[in-house]
Amino acid sequence: MKERSGSTKLFSMLGSLVLAVVITSGCGNSNTNKQAEVIDKSQEGTQTQQIQEIKVGYVNLIAAAPAIIAKEKKLLDKQGLKAEFFSFKNGPDLYKALSSGKLDIAYAGMPAAVNWGSRGAEFTIIAKVDQGKNGLFTKESSGITQAADLKGKKLGNLVKGSGVDYLIRAVLLPEGQLDDQSVTLVQMETPNMETAITNGTIDAAVAGEPFLTFAELRGLKVVQELPDPAFVVLGSNAFLKEQPDAVKKFIQGHIASIEELNQNVTENAEVLAKAFNVPEIKGTDKTYTPTEVITQALKRNKFEYKFTDDDLLYYQEVADNSFTIKSIEKQLDVSTIIDTTWIK
């Protein structure tokens, strides 16, 4: 009987021990599950934070087509960014927005970049966009066949410091041995230039695409093409420093946009035609659909994202010429506002 009693006590003790282990083990599983739940929620929060906001501005020209394609096809969103786009009529207005912190990224011309860079604006050029052509255009009957014929004429111009202003005062007028005292420069928005020539308000104008093609297809004459003073991508220095991951994602989206634009011209011409609200144009020989109009305009543009040595030399030439025509008050070394390392 005593042995039976001892066995009972032993089993009782073992049972209690097993129960304690089970309870302890159960409590441990509960804590582990809670911990896993917290980790999952933490990771979920991190994934939410990865969607970074970015504000992108661009001048409303074909030269900025990669920005428009990125917007319409959500190519930046596909990189994990929440992108908001803003269009501007000219470079100087865009740079004001960039300098005031209203934009993170901007697509605009090199002359305006030189202008603001010479004043110490806090931005850096991080990618190439376009190397295309602008043009001097007029009526067939104007008698203007070369730059020298502009003497005493009224010439449509954008705001001072813009790419068009640079081309007129640094390239076109010197070619004709003229200066801005030899002609009357009439400041106006690019979409109004064609009508102003047609009704005689001005004699000629300089414009970029798609407005040059609009005028050409409707019967005005392109006297000569002028080198587009280069479109580039700028980032505010604060954005580049504080959100380098977002900048890298933007760069990937920018590259994707240029590749898309170059590989699918007709499809993207249709997208751009809608973005620019291009109408059918009754030309001298046929009626052009909006897509045909933009396809024609794209022929004067070459979209690239990598800088070449020639690009960098040309940008310095723009800066030097801008100083010569007194668009800027002091000379600028463009290497101080360019960082080529964002594009590998």
C-alpha atoms as a PDB file:
ATOM      1  CA  MET A   1       0.000   0.000   0.000  1.00  0.00           C
ATOM      2  CA  LYS A   2       2.785   2.399   0.798  1.00  0.00           C
ATOM      3  CA  GLU A   3       4.399   1.703  -2.607  1.00  0.00           C
ATOM      4  CA  ARG A   4       1.079   2.380  -4.367  1.00  0.00           C
ATOM      5  CA  SER A   5       0.741   5.659  -2.493  1.00  0.00           C
ATOM      6  CA  GLY A   6       4.283   6.656  -3.569  1.00  0.00           C
ATOM      7  CA  SER A   7       3.498   5.895  -7.206  1.00  0.00           C
ATOM      8  CA  THR A   8       0.375   7.985  -6.995  1.00  0.00           C
ATOM      9  CA  LYS A   9       2.348  10.920  -5.625  1.00  0.00           C
ATOM     10  CA  LEU A  10       4.977  10.485  -8.354  1.00  0.00           C
ATOM     11  CA  PHE A  11       2.387  10.500 -11.140  1.00  0.00           C
ATOM     12  CA  SER A  12       0.686  13.459  -9.526  1.00  0.00           C
ATOM     13  CA  MET A  13       3.956  15.380  -9.505  1.00  0.00           C
ATOM     14  CA  LEU A  14       4.700  14.440 -13.119  1.00  0.00           C
ATOM     15  CA  GLY A  15       1.216  15.493 -14.158  1.00  0.00           C
ATOM     16  CA  SER A  16       1.628  18.868 -12.519  1.00  0.00           C
ATOM     17  CA  LEU A  17       4.980  19.307 -14.214  1.00  0.00           C
ATOM     18  CA  VAL A  18       3.570  18.447 -17.665  1.00  0.00           C
ATOM     19  CA  LEU A  19       0.631  20.804 -17.092  1.00  0.00           C
ATOM     20  CA  ALA A  20       3.022  23.592 -16.125  1.00  0.00           C
ATOM     21  CA  VAL A  21       5.084  22.990 -19.251  1.00  0.00           C
ATOM     22  CA  VAL A  22       1.960  23.005 -21.416  1.00  0.00           C
ATOM     23  CA  ILE A  23       0.707  26.232 -19.829  1.00  0.00           C
ATOM     24  CA  THR A  24       4.121  27.857 -20.118  1.00  0.00           C
ATOM     25  CA  SER A  25       4.443  26.688 -23.706  1.00  0.00           C
ATOM     26  CA  GLY A  26       0.982  28.024 -24.469  1.00  0.00           C
ATOM     27  CA  CYS A  27       1.826  31.400 -22.994  1.00  0.00           C
ATOM     28  CA  GLY A  28       5.030  31.427 -25.023  1.00  0.00           C
ATOM     29  CA  ASN A  29       3.125  30.809 -28.286  1.00  0.00           C
ATOM     30  CA  SER A  30       0.733  33.602 -27.431  1.00  0.00           C
ATOM     31  CA  ASN A  31       3.588  36.057 -26.912  1.00  0.00           C
ATOM     32  CA  THR A  32       5.324  34.881 -30.068  1.00  0.00           C
ATOM     33  CA  ASN A  33       2.147  35.383 -32.098  1.00  0.00           C
ATOM     34  CA  LYS A  34       1.716  38.859 -30.678  1.00  0.00           C
ATOM     35  CA  GLN A  35       5.342  39.659 -31.449  1.00  0.00           C
ATOM     36  CA  ALA A  36       4.965  38.396 -35.011  1.00  0.00           C
ATOM     37  CA  GLU A  37       1.828  40.480 -35.353  1.00  0.00           C
ATOM     38  CA  VAL A  38       3.693  43.595 -34.240  1.00  0.00           C
ATOM     39  CA  ILE A  39       6.547  42.874 -36.683  1.00  0.00           C
ATOM     40  CA  ASP A  40       4.080  42.430 -39.532  1.00  0.00           C
ATOM     41  CA  LYS A  41       2.415  45.731 -38.698  1.00  0.00           C
ATOM     42  CA  SER A  42       5.809  47.398 -38.447  1.00  0.00           C
ATOM     43  CA  GLN A  43       6.770  46.100 -41.885  1.00  0.00           C
ATOM     44  CA  GLU A  44       3.406  47.168 -43.217  1.00  0.00           C
ATOM     45  CA  GLY A  45       4.096  50.701 -41.991  1.00  0.00           C
ATOM     46  CA  THR A  46       7.536  50.675 -43.628  1.00  0.00           C
ATOM     47  CA  GLN A  47       6.010  49.664 -46.942  1.00  0.00           C
ATOM     48  CA  THR A  48       3.564  52.570 -46.677  1.00  0.00           C
ATOM     49  CA  GLN A  49       6.419  54.993 -46.008  1.00  0.00           C
ATOM     50  CA  GLN A  50       8.226  53.810 -49.159  1.00  0.00           C
ATOM     51  CA  ILE A  51       5.697  55.649 -51.335  1.00  0.00           C
ATOM     52  CA  GLN A  52       7.395  59.039 -51.490  1.00  0.00           C
ATOM     53  CA  GLU A  53       5.791  62.173 -52.860  1.00  0.00           C
ATOM     54  CA  ILE A  54       7.502  64.175 -55.581  1.00  0.00           C
ATOM     55  CA  LYS A  55       6.491  67.436 -57.276  1.00  0.00           C
ATOM     56  CA  VAL A  56       7.646  67.798 -60.873  1.00  0.00           C
ATOM     57  CA  GLY A  57       7.455  70.923 -63.019  1.00  0.00           C
ATOM     58  CA  TYR A  58       8.027  71.319 -66.750  1.00  0.00           C
ATOM     59  CA  VAL A  59       7.860  73.980 -69.461  1.00  0.00           C
ATOM     60  CA  ASN A  60       4.972  73.268 -71.822  1.00  0.00           C
ATOM     61  CA  LEU A  61       7.019  72.371 -74.912  1.00  0.00           C
ATOM     62  CA  ILE A  62       7.774  69.208 -76.879  1.00  0.00           C
ATOM     63  CA  ALA A  63      11.279  69.380 -75.417  1.00  0.00           C
ATOM     64  CA  ALA A  64       9.706  68.402 -72.085  1.00  0.00           C
ATOM     65  CA  ALA A  65       7.836  65.453 -73.626  1.00  0.00           C
ATOM     66  CA  PRO A  66       9.501  62.918 -71.275  1.00  0.00           C
ATOM     67  CA  ALA A  67       7.858  64.670 -68.327  1.00  0.00           C
ATOM     68  CA  ILE A  68       4.465  64.565 -70.045  1.00  0.00           C
ATOM     69  CA  ILE A  69       4.833  60.883 -70.972  1.00  0.00           C
ATOM     70  CA  ALA A  70       5.903  60.081 -67.407  1.00  0.00           C
ATOM     71  CA  LYS A  71       2.806  61.881 -66.172  1.00  0.00           C
ATOM     72  CA  GLU A  72       0.298  60.342 -68.576  1.00  0.00           C
ATOM     73  CA  LYS A  73       1.684  56.804 -68.316  1.00  0.00           C
ATOM     74  CA  LYS A  74       2.387  57.029 -64.573  1.00  0.00           C
ATOM     75  CA  LEU A  75       6.000  55.974 -65.046  1.00  0.00           C
ATOM     76  CA  LEU A  76       7.129  57.605 -61.800  1.00  0.00           C
ATOM     77  CA  ASP A  77       4.308  55.976 -59.865  1.00  0.00           C
ATOM     78  CA  LYS A  78       5.529  52.612 -61.151  1.00  0.00           C
ATOM     79  CA  GLN A  79       8.857  53.335 -59.441  1.00  0.00           C
ATOM     80  CA  GLY A  80       7.099  53.722 -56.079  1.00  0.00           C
ATOM     81  CA  LEU A  81       6.623  57.491 -56.152  1.00  0.00           C
ATOM     82  CA  LYS A  82       3.473  59.541 -55.760  1.00  0.00           C
ATOM     83  CA  ALA A  83       4.091  62.119 -58.483  1.00  0.00           C
ATOM     84  CA  GLU A  84       2.338  65.441 -58.970  1.00  0.00           C
ATOM     85  CA  PHE A  85       3.030  67.436 -62.149  1.00  0.00           C
ATOM     86  CA  PHE A  86       2.819  71.166 -62.882  1.00  0.00           C
ATOM     87  CA  SER A  87       3.204  72.867 -66.292  1.00  0.00           C
ATOM     88  CA  PHE A  88       4.683  76.337 -66.867  1.00  0.00           C
ATOM     89  CA  LYS A  89       4.668  78.727 -69.826  1.00  0.00           C
ATOM     90  CA  ASN A  90       8.366  79.559 -69.606  1.00  0.00           C
ATOM     91  CA  GLY A  91      11.595  78.669 -67.825  1.00  0.00           C
ATOM     92  CA  PRO A  92      11.904  81.730 -65.566  1.00  0.00           C
ATOM     93  CA  ASP A  93       8.480  81.091 -64.005  1.00  0.00           C
ATOM     94  CA  LEU A  94       9.366  77.446 -63.442  1.00  0.00           C
ATOM     95  CA  TYR A  95      12.655  78.355 -61.758  1.00  0.00           C
ATOM     96  CA  LYS A  96      10.853  80.688 -59.381  1.00  0.00           C
ATOM     97  CA  ALA A  97       8.698  77.741 -58.287  1.00  0.00           C
ATOM     98  CA  LEU A  98      11.735  75.472 -57.916  1.00  0.00           C
ATOM     99  CA  SER A  99      13.723  78.049 -55.960  1.00  0.00           C
ATOM    100  CA  SER A 100      10.815  78.733 -53.607  1.00  0.00           C
ATOM    101  CA  GLY A 101      10.470  75.038 -52.701  1.00  0.00           C
ATOM    102  CA  LYS A 102       7.187  74.469 -54.555  1.00  0.00           C
ATOM    103  CA  LEU A 103       8.868  71.882 -56.804  1.00  0.00           C
ATOM    104  CA  ASP A 104      11.339  69.063 -56.189  1.00  0.00           C
ATOM    105  CA  ILE A 105      12.254  68.414 -59.821  1.00  0.00           C
ATOM    106  CA  ALA A 106      12.092  70.604 -62.938  1.00  0.00           C
ATOM    107  CA  TYR A 107      12.410  70.040 -66.692  1.00  0.00           C
ATOM    108  CA  ALA A 108      13.594  73.253 -68.352  1.00  0.00           C
ATOM    109  CA  GLY A 109      16.093  74.938 -70.633  1.00  0.00           C
ATOM    110  CA  MET A 110      19.765  75.522 -69.966  1.00  0.00           C
ATOM    111  CA  PRO A 111      19.686  79.344 -70.399  1.00  0.00           C
ATOM    112  CA  ALA A 112      17.262  79.767 -67.526  1.00  0.00           C
ATOM    113  CA  ALA A 113      19.333  77.321 -65.453  1.00  0.00           C
ATOM    114  CA  VAL A 114      22.414  79.451 -66.115  1.00  0.00           C
ATOM    115  CA  ASN A 115      20.480  82.590 -65.210  1.00  0.00           C
ATOM    116  CA  TRP A 116      19.355  81.270 -61.841  1.00  0.00           C
ATOM    117  CA  GLY A 117      22.546  79.342 -61.162  1.00  0.00           C
ATOM    118  CA  SER A 118      24.556  82.545 -61.509  1.00  0.00           C
ATOM    119  CA  ARG A 119      22.431  84.015 -58.727  1.00  0.00           C
ATOM    120  CA  GLY A 120      23.210  81.158 -56.371  1.00  0.00           C
ATOM    121  CA  ALA A 121      19.885  79.331 -56.663  1.00  0.00           C
ATOM    122  CA  GLU A 122      19.870  76.050 -54.701  1.00  0.00           C
ATOM    123  CA  PHE A 123      19.467  73.439 -57.443  1.00  0.00           C
ATOM    124  CA  THR A 124      21.600  70.951 -59.372  1.00  0.00           C
ATOM    125  CA  ILE A 125      21.310  69.624 -62.930  1.00  0.00           C
ATOM    126  CA  ILE A 126      21.085  65.825 -62.683  1.00  0.00           C
ATOM    127  CA  ALA A 127      20.080  64.530 -66.142  1.00  0.00           C
ATOM    128  CA  LYS A 128      19.774  65.412 -69.795  1.00  0.00           C
ATOM    129  CA  VAL A 129      16.398  65.578 -71.547  1.00  0.00           C
ATOM    130  CA  ASP A 130      16.593  66.866 -75.086  1.00  0.00           C
ATOM    131  CA  GLN A 131      18.772  68.368 -77.783  1.00  0.00           C
ATOM    132  CA  GLY A 132      16.459  69.696 -80.476  1.00  0.00           C
ATOM    133  CA  LYS A 133      15.764  72.685 -82.677  1.00  0.00           C
ATOM    134  CA  ASN A 134      13.801  75.913 -82.489  1.00  0.00           C
ATOM    135  CA  GLY A 135      13.179  78.083 -85.531  1.00  0.00           C
ATOM    136  CA  LEU A 136      12.787  81.581 -86.946  1.00  0.00           C
ATOM    137  CA  PHE A 137       9.484  81.782 -88.832  1.00  0.00           C
ATOM    138  CA  THR A 138       7.569  84.428 -90.779  1.00  0.00           C
ATOM    139  CA  LYS A 139       5.167  84.984 -93.696  1.00  0.00           C
ATOM    140  CA  GLU A 140       6.213  83.826 -97.158  1.00  0.00           C
ATOM    141  CA  SER A 141       5.777  87.418 -98.337  1.00  0.00           C
ATOM    142  CA  SER A 142       7.822  89.058 -95.556  1.00  0.00           C
ATOM    143  CA  GLY A 143      11.064  89.276 -97.507  1.00  0.00           C
ATOM    144  CA  ILE A 144      12.934  87.813 -94.525  1.00  0.00           C
ATOM    145  CA  THR A 145      15.296  85.093 -95.715  1.00  0.00           C
ATOM    146  CA  GLN A 146      18.182  85.427 -93.252  1.00  0.00           C
ATOM    147  CA  ALA A 147      19.036  86.952 -89.887  1.00  0.00           C
ATOM    148  CA  ALA A 148      20.332  90.196 -91.429  1.00  0.00           C
ATOM    149  CA  ASP A 149      16.864  90.872 -92.887  1.00  0.00           C
ATOM    150  CA  LEU A 150      15.471  91.343 -89.366  1.00  0.00           C
ATOM    151  CA  LYS A 151      16.949  94.847 -89.115  1.00  0.00           C
ATOM    152  CA  GLY A 152      14.179  97.295 -88.224  1.00  0.00           C
ATOM    153  CA  LYS A 153      11.623  94.483 -87.872  1.00  0.00           C
ATOM    154  CA  LYS A 154       9.363  93.488 -84.978  1.00  0.00           C
ATOM    155  CA  LEU A 155      10.410  90.112 -83.619  1.00  0.00           C
ATOM    156  CA  GLY A 156       8.331  87.964 -81.252  1.00  0.00           C
ATOM    157  CA  ASN A 157      10.248  86.940 -78.142  1.00  0.00           C
ATOM    158  CA  LEU A 158       9.577  85.157 -74.868  1.00  0.00           C
ATOM    159  CA  VAL A 159      10.451  86.641 -71.484  1.00  0.00           C
ATOM    160  CA  LYS A 160      14.055  87.760 -70.974  1.00  0.00           C
ATOM    161  CA  GLY A 161      16.261  84.921 -69.735  1.00  0.00           C
ATOM    162  CA  SER A 162      14.264  82.220 -71.536  1.00  0.00           C
ATOM    163  CA  GLY A 163      15.702  79.834 -74.116  1.00  0.00           C
ATOM    164  CA  VAL A 164      14.089  81.762 -76.971  1.00  0.00           C
ATOM    165  CA  ASP A 165      15.501  85.049 -75.669  1.00  0.00           C
ATOM    166  CA  TYR A 166      18.945  83.440 -75.519  1.00  0.00           C
ATOM    167  CA  LEU A 167      18.687  82.203 -79.120  1.00  0.00           C
ATOM    168  CA  ILE A 168      17.612  85.617 -80.389  1.00  0.00           C
ATOM    169  CA  ARG A 169      20.188  87.737 -78.593  1.00  0.00           C
ATOM    170  CA  ALA A 170      23.143  85.317 -78.411  1.00  0.00           C
ATOM    171  CA  VAL A 171      22.799  83.410 -81.703  1.00  0.00           C
ATOM    172  CA  LEU A 172      20.393  84.889 -84.263  1.00  0.00           C
ATOM    173  CA  LEU A 173      21.096  88.631 -84.050  1.00  0.00           C
ATOM    174  CA  PRO A 174      24.912  88.290 -83.909  1.00  0.00           C
ATOM    175  CA  GLU A 175      24.697  86.045 -86.986  1.00  0.00           C
ATOM    176  CA  GLY A 176      23.071  88.932 -88.852  1.00  0.00           C
ATOM    177  CA  GLN A 177      25.535  91.426 -87.324  1.00  0.00           C
ATOM    178  CA  LEU A 178      22.636  92.922 -85.376  1.00  0.00           C
ATOM    179  CA  ASP A 179      21.866  93.494 -81.701  1.00  0.00           C
ATOM    180  CA  ASP A 180      18.708  94.019 -79.663  1.00  0.00           C
ATOM    181  CA  GLN A 181      18.782  97.721 -80.605  1.00  0.00           C
ATOM    182  CA  SER A 182      18.553  96.820 -84.304  1.00  0.00           C
ATOM    183  CA  VAL A 183      15.146  95.167 -83.933  1.00  0.00           C
ATOM    184  CA  THR A 184      12.042  95.648 -81.826  1.00  0.00           C
ATOM    185  CA  LEU A 185      11.649  92.668 -79.502  1.00  0.00           C
ATOM    186  CA  VAL A 186       7.978  92.112 -78.676  1.00  0.00           C
ATOM    187  CA  GLN A 187       7.429  89.930 -75.605  1.00  0.00           C
ATOM    188  CA  MET A 188       4.547  87.455 -75.918  1.00  0.00           C
ATOM    189  CA  GLU A 189       3.595  83.886 -75.127  1.00  0.00           C
ATOM    190  CA  THR A 190       4.598  81.285 -77.704  1.00  0.00           C
ATOM    191  CA  PRO A 191       1.023  80.194 -78.632  1.00  0.00           C
ATOM    192  CA  ASN A 192       0.258  83.790 -79.679  1.00  0.00           C
ATOM    193  CA  MET A 193       3.202  84.232 -82.057  1.00  0.00           C
ATOM    194  CA  GLU A 194       1.643  82.592 -85.116  1.00  0.00           C
ATOM    195  CA  THR A 195      -1.467  84.774 -84.984  1.00  0.00           C
ATOM    196  CA  ALA A 196       0.627  87.894 -84.354  1.00  0.00           C
ATOM    197  CA  ILE A 197       2.624  87.198 -87.537  1.00  0.00           C
ATOM    198  CA  THR A 198      -0.498  86.450 -89.555  1.00  0.00           C
ATOM    199  CA  ASN A 199      -2.252  89.697 -88.556  1.00  0.00           C
ATOM    200  CA  GLY A 200       0.887  91.825 -88.906  1.00  0.00           C
ATOM    201  CA  THR A 201       1.459  92.669 -85.244  1.00  0.00           C
ATOM    202  CA  ILE A 202       5.005  91.309 -85.609  1.00  0.00           C
ATOM    203  CA  ASP A 203       7.109  90.416 -88.638  1.00  0.00           C
ATOM    204  CA  ALA A 204       8.697  87.206 -87.393  1.00  0.00           C
ATOM    205  CA  ALA A 205       9.258  85.140 -84.254  1.00  0.00           C
ATOM    206  CA  VAL A 206      11.388  82.401 -82.754  1.00  0.00           C
ATOM    207  CA  ALA A 207       9.623  79.386 -81.245  1.00  0.00           C
ATOM    208  CA  GLY A 208      10.107  75.769 -80.284  1.00  0.00           C
ATOM    209  CA  GLU A 209       7.946  72.718 -80.909  1.00  0.00           C
ATOM    210  CA  PRO A 210       5.107  72.003 -81.296  1.00  0.00           C
ATOM    211  CA  PHE A 211       4.335  75.646 -82.117  1.00  0.00           C
ATOM    212  CA  LEU A 212       6.887  75.829 -84.924  1.00  0.00           C
ATOM    213  CA  THR A 213       5.239  72.910 -86.718  1.00  0.00           C
ATOM    214  CA  PHE A 214       1.753  74.389 -86.158  1.00  0.00           C
ATOM    215  CA  ALA A 215       2.823  77.556 -87.985  1.00  0.00           C
ATOM    216  CA  GLU A 216       4.703  75.701 -90.710  1.00  0.00           C
ATOM    217  CA  LEU A 217       1.803  73.390 -91.580  1.00  0.00           C
ATOM    218  CA  ARG A 218      -0.572  76.370 -91.750  1.00  0.00           C
ATOM    219  CA  GLY A 219       1.567  78.060 -94.376  1.00  0.00           C
ATOM    220  CA  LEU A 220       4.119  80.176 -92.534  1.00  0.00           C
ATOM    221  CA  LYS A 221       7.762  79.854 -93.539  1.00  0.00           C
ATOM    222  CA  VAL A 222      10.564  78.546 -91.329  1.00  0.00           C
ATOM    223  CA  VAL A 223      13.503  80.731 -92.383  1.00  0.00           C
ATOM    224  CA  GLN A 224      16.094  78.789 -90.422  1.00  0.00           C
ATOM    225  CA  GLU A 225      16.368  76.276 -87.632  1.00  0.00           C
ATOM    226  CA  LEU A 226      18.256  77.213 -84.483  1.00  0.00           C
ATOM    227  CA  PRO A 227      19.891  74.854 -81.971  1.00  0.00           C
ATOM    228  CA  ASP A 228      17.618  74.265 -79.003  1.00  0.00           C
ATOM    229  CA  PRO A 229      19.631  75.522 -76.020  1.00  0.00           C
ATOM    230  CA  ALA A 230      19.199  72.139 -74.344  1.00  0.00           C
ATOM    231  CA  PHE A 231      16.601  70.831 -71.921  1.00  0.00           C
ATOM    232  CA  VAL A 232      17.818  69.339 -68.656  1.00  0.00           C
ATOM    233  CA  VAL A 233      16.463  67.955 -65.383  1.00  0.00           C
ATOM    234  CA  LEU A 234      17.111  69.871 -62.187  1.00  0.00           C
ATOM    235  CA  GLY A 235      16.582  68.863 -58.586  1.00  0.00           C
ATOM    236  CA  SER A 236      16.358  71.200 -55.636  1.00  0.00           C
ATOM    237  CA  ASN A 237      19.428  70.718 -53.456  1.00  0.00           C
ATOM    238  CA  ALA A 238      17.248  70.115 -50.402  1.00  0.00           C
ATOM    239  CA  PHE A 239      15.380  67.298 -52.166  1.00  0.00           C
ATOM    240  CA  LEU A 240      18.588  65.722 -53.486  1.00  0.00           C
ATOM    241  CA  LYS A 241      20.125  65.729 -50.015  1.00  0.00           C
ATOM    242  CA  GLU A 242      17.100  64.681 -47.967  1.00  0.00           C
ATOM    243  CA  GLN A 243      15.539  62.073 -50.292  1.00  0.00           C
ATOM    244  CA  PRO A 244      18.276  60.404 -52.371  1.00  0.00           C
ATOM    245  CA  ASP A 245      16.210  57.204 -52.695  1.00  0.00           C
ATOM    246  CA  ALA A 246      13.343  59.175 -54.224  1.00  0.00           C
ATOM    247  CA  VAL A 247      15.795  60.845 -56.605  1.00  0.00           C
ATOM    248  CA  LYS A 248      17.086  57.435 -57.739  1.00  0.00           C
ATOM    249  CA  LYS A 249      13.514  56.279 -58.355  1.00  0.00           C
ATOM    250  CA  PHE A 250      12.815  59.452 -60.313  1.00  0.00           C
ATOM    251  CA  ILE A 251      15.910  58.871 -62.458  1.00  0.00           C
ATOM    252  CA  GLN A 252      14.694  55.355 -63.296  1.00  0.00           C
ATOM    253  CA  GLY A 253      11.306  56.778 -64.264  1.00  0.00           C
ATOM    254  CA  HIS A 254      12.971  59.481 -66.373  1.00  0.00           C
ATOM    255  CA  ILE A 255      15.046  56.882 -68.228  1.00  0.00           C
ATOM    256  CA  ALA A 256      11.952  54.715 -68.763  1.00  0.00           C
ATOM    257  CA  SER A 257      10.058  57.701 -70.162  1.00  0.00           C
ATOM    258  CA  ILE A 258      12.756  58.600 -72.696  1.00  0.00           C
ATOM    259  CA  GLU A 259      13.106  54.975 -73.803  1.00  0.00           C
ATOM    260  CA  GLU A 260       9.328  54.704 -74.145  1.00  0.00           C
ATOM    261  CA  LEU A 261       9.198  57.922 -76.164  1.00  0.00           C
ATOM    262  CA  ASN A 262      11.954  56.829 -78.545  1.00  0.00           C
ATOM    263  CA  GLN A 263      10.651  53.291 -79.048  1.00  0.00           C
ATOM    264  CA  ASN A 264       6.929  54.009 -79.551  1.00  0.00           C
ATOM    265  CA  VAL A 265       6.797  57.291 -81.459  1.00  0.00           C
ATOM    266  CA  THR A 266       3.303  57.066 -82.979  1.00  0.00           C
ATOM    267  CA  GLU A 267       1.632  55.857 -79.780  1.00  0.00           C
ATOM    268  CA  ASN A 268       3.270  58.588 -77.730  1.00  0.00           C
ATOM    269  CA  ALA A 269       2.589  61.237 -80.375  1.00  0.00           C
ATOM    270  CA  GLU A 270      -1.090  60.499 -79.759  1.00  0.00           C
ATOM    271  CA  VAL A 271      -0.591  60.926 -76.001  1.00  0.00           C
ATOM    272  CA  LEU A 272       1.233  64.228 -76.529  1.00  0.00           C
ATOM    273  CA  ALA A 273      -1.389  65.470 -78.991  1.00  0.00           C
ATOM    274  CA  LYS A 274      -4.037  65.083 -76.292  1.00  0.00           C
ATOM    275  CA  ALA A 275      -1.807  66.690 -73.666  1.00  0.00           C
ATOM    276  CA  PHE A 276      -1.194  69.731 -75.892  1.00  0.00           C
ATOM    277  CA  ASN A 277      -4.834  69.757 -77.031  1.00  0.00           C
ATOM    278  CA  VAL A 278      -3.684  69.759 -80.656  1.00  0.00           C
ATOM    279  CA  PRO A 279      -6.451  70.260 -83.252  1.00  0.00           C
ATOM    280  CA  GLU A 280      -6.567  68.983 -86.805  1.00  0.00           C
ATOM    281  CA  ILE A 281      -4.567  71.347 -88.985  1.00  0.00           C
ATOM    282  CA  LYS A 282      -5.595  72.167 -92.544  1.00  0.00           C
ATOM    283  CA  GLY A 283      -2.288  72.519 -94.301  1.00  0.00           C
ATOM    284  CA  THR A 284      -1.508  73.757 -97.773  1.00  0.00           C
ATOM    285  CA  ASP A 285      -1.434  70.193 -99.102  1.00  0.00           C
ATOM    286  CA  LYS A 286      -3.638  68.115 -96.751  1.00  0.00           C
ATOM    287  CA  THR A 287      -5.410  67.981 -93.405  1.00  0.00           C
ATOM    288  CA  TYR A 288      -3.160  66.687 -90.644  1.00  0.00           C
ATOM    289  CA  THR A 289      -4.518  64.706 -87.704  1.00  0.00           C
ATOM    290  CA  PRO A 290      -3.338  65.740 -84.220  1.00  0.00           C
ATOM    291  CA  THR A 291      -1.100  62.652 -84.075  1.00  0.00           C
ATOM    292  CA  GLU A 292       0.444  63.486 -87.459  1.00  0.00           C
ATOM    293  CA  VAL A 293       1.112  67.048 -86.299  1.00  0.00           C
ATOM    294  CA  ILE A 294       3.000  65.897 -83.198  1.00  0.00           C
ATOM    295  CA  THR A 295       4.849  63.183 -85.128  1.00  0.00           C
ATOM    296  CA  GLN A 296       6.106  65.935 -87.424  1.00  0.00           C
ATOM    297  CA  ALA A 297       7.079  68.121 -84.453  1.00  0.00           C
ATOM    298  CA  LEU A 298       9.009  65.280 -82.805  1.00  0.00           C
ATOM    299  CA  LYS A 299      11.347  65.068 -85.812  1.00  0.00           C
ATOM    300  CA  ARG A 300      13.138  68.208 -84.596  1.00  0.00           C
ATOM    301  CA  ASN A 301      13.848  66.722 -81.177  1.00  0.00           C
ATOM    302  CA  LYS A 302      16.310  64.127 -79.923  1.00  0.00           C
ATOM    303  CA  PHE A 303      15.645  62.742 -76.444  1.00  0.00           C
ATOM    304  CA  GLU A 304      18.543  61.426 -74.345  1.00  0.00           C
ATOM    305  CA  TYR A 305      19.222  61.061 -70.630  1.00  0.00           C
ATOM    306  CA  LYS A 306      23.034  60.714 -70.516  1.00  0.00           C
ATOM    307  CA  PHE A 307      25.396  63.674 -70.685  1.00  0.00           C
ATOM    308  CA  THR A 308      28.195  63.640 -73.256  1.00  0.00           C
ATOM    309  CA  ASP A 309      31.414  65.641 -73.122  1.00  0.00           C
ATOM    310  CA  ASP A 310      30.062  67.755 -75.994  1.00  0.00           C
ATOM    311  CA  ASP A 311      26.932  68.510 -73.956  1.00  0.00           C
ATOM    312  CA  LEU A 312      28.987  69.815 -71.067  1.00  0.00           C
ATOM    313  CA  LEU A 313      31.074  71.991 -73.396  1.00  0.00           C
ATOM    314  CA  TYR A 314      27.892  73.368 -74.976  1.00  0.00           C
ATOM    315  CA  TYR A 315      26.367  74.161 -71.579  1.00  0.00           C
ATOM    316  CA  GLN A 316      29.477  76.184 -70.740  1.00  0.00           C
ATOM    317  CA  GLU A 317      29.145  77.984 -74.072  1.00  0.00           C
ATOM    318  CA  VAL A 318      25.570  78.910 -73.144  1.00  0.00           C
ATOM    319  CA  ALA A 319      26.824  80.307 -69.838  1.00  0.00           C
ATOM    320  CA  ASP A 320      29.612  82.290 -71.521  1.00  0.00           C
ATOM    321  CA  ASN A 321      27.256  83.720 -74.148  1.00  0.00           C
ATOM    322  CA  SER A 322      24.712  84.610 -71.469  1.00  0.00           C
ATOM    323  CA  PHE A 323      27.382  86.685 -69.753  1.00  0.00           C
ATOM    324  CA  THR A 324      28.335  88.353 -73.050  1.00  0.00           C
ATOM    325  CA  ILE A 325      24.748  89.467 -73.747  1.00  0.00           C
ATOM    326  CA  LYS A 326      24.384  90.506 -70.096  1.00  0.00           C
ATOM    327  CA  SER A 327      21.647  88.026 -69.220  1.00  0.00           C
ATOM    328  CA  ILE A 328      23.791  87.236 -66.180  1.00  0.00           C
ATOM    329  CA  GLU A 329      25.929  89.653 -64.182  1.00  0.00           C
ATOM    330  CA  LYS A 330      28.854  87.360 -63.481  1.00  0.00           C
ATOM    331  CA  GLN A 331      30.453  84.454 -65.271  1.00  0.00           C
ATOM    332  CA  LEU A 332      29.405  80.949 -64.283  1.00  0.00           C
ATOM    333  CA  ASP A 333      31.337  77.685 -64.277  1.00  0.00           C
ATOM    334  CA  VAL A 334      28.527  75.259 -65.136  1.00  0.00           C
ATOM    335  CA  SER A 335      30.352  72.366 -63.460  1.00  0.00           C
ATOM    336  CA  THR A 336      29.289  73.968 -60.162  1.00  0.00           C
ATOM    337  CA  ILE A 337      25.605  73.342 -60.960  1.00  0.00           C
ATOM    338  CA  ILE A 338      25.878  69.914 -62.651  1.00  0.00           C
ATOM    339  CA  ASP A 339      26.176  66.481 -61.027  1.00  0.00           C
ATOM    340  CA  THR A 340      26.646  63.745 -63.627  1.00  0.00           C
ATOM    341  CA  THR A 341      26.795  60.920 -61.057  1.00  0.00           C
ATOM    342  CA  TRP A 342      23.019  60.426 -60.803  1.00  0.00           C
ATOM    343  CA  ILE A 343      23.021  58.940 -64.320  1.00  0.00           C
ATOM    344  CA  LYS A 344      25.350  55.945 -64.558  1.00  0.00           C
END
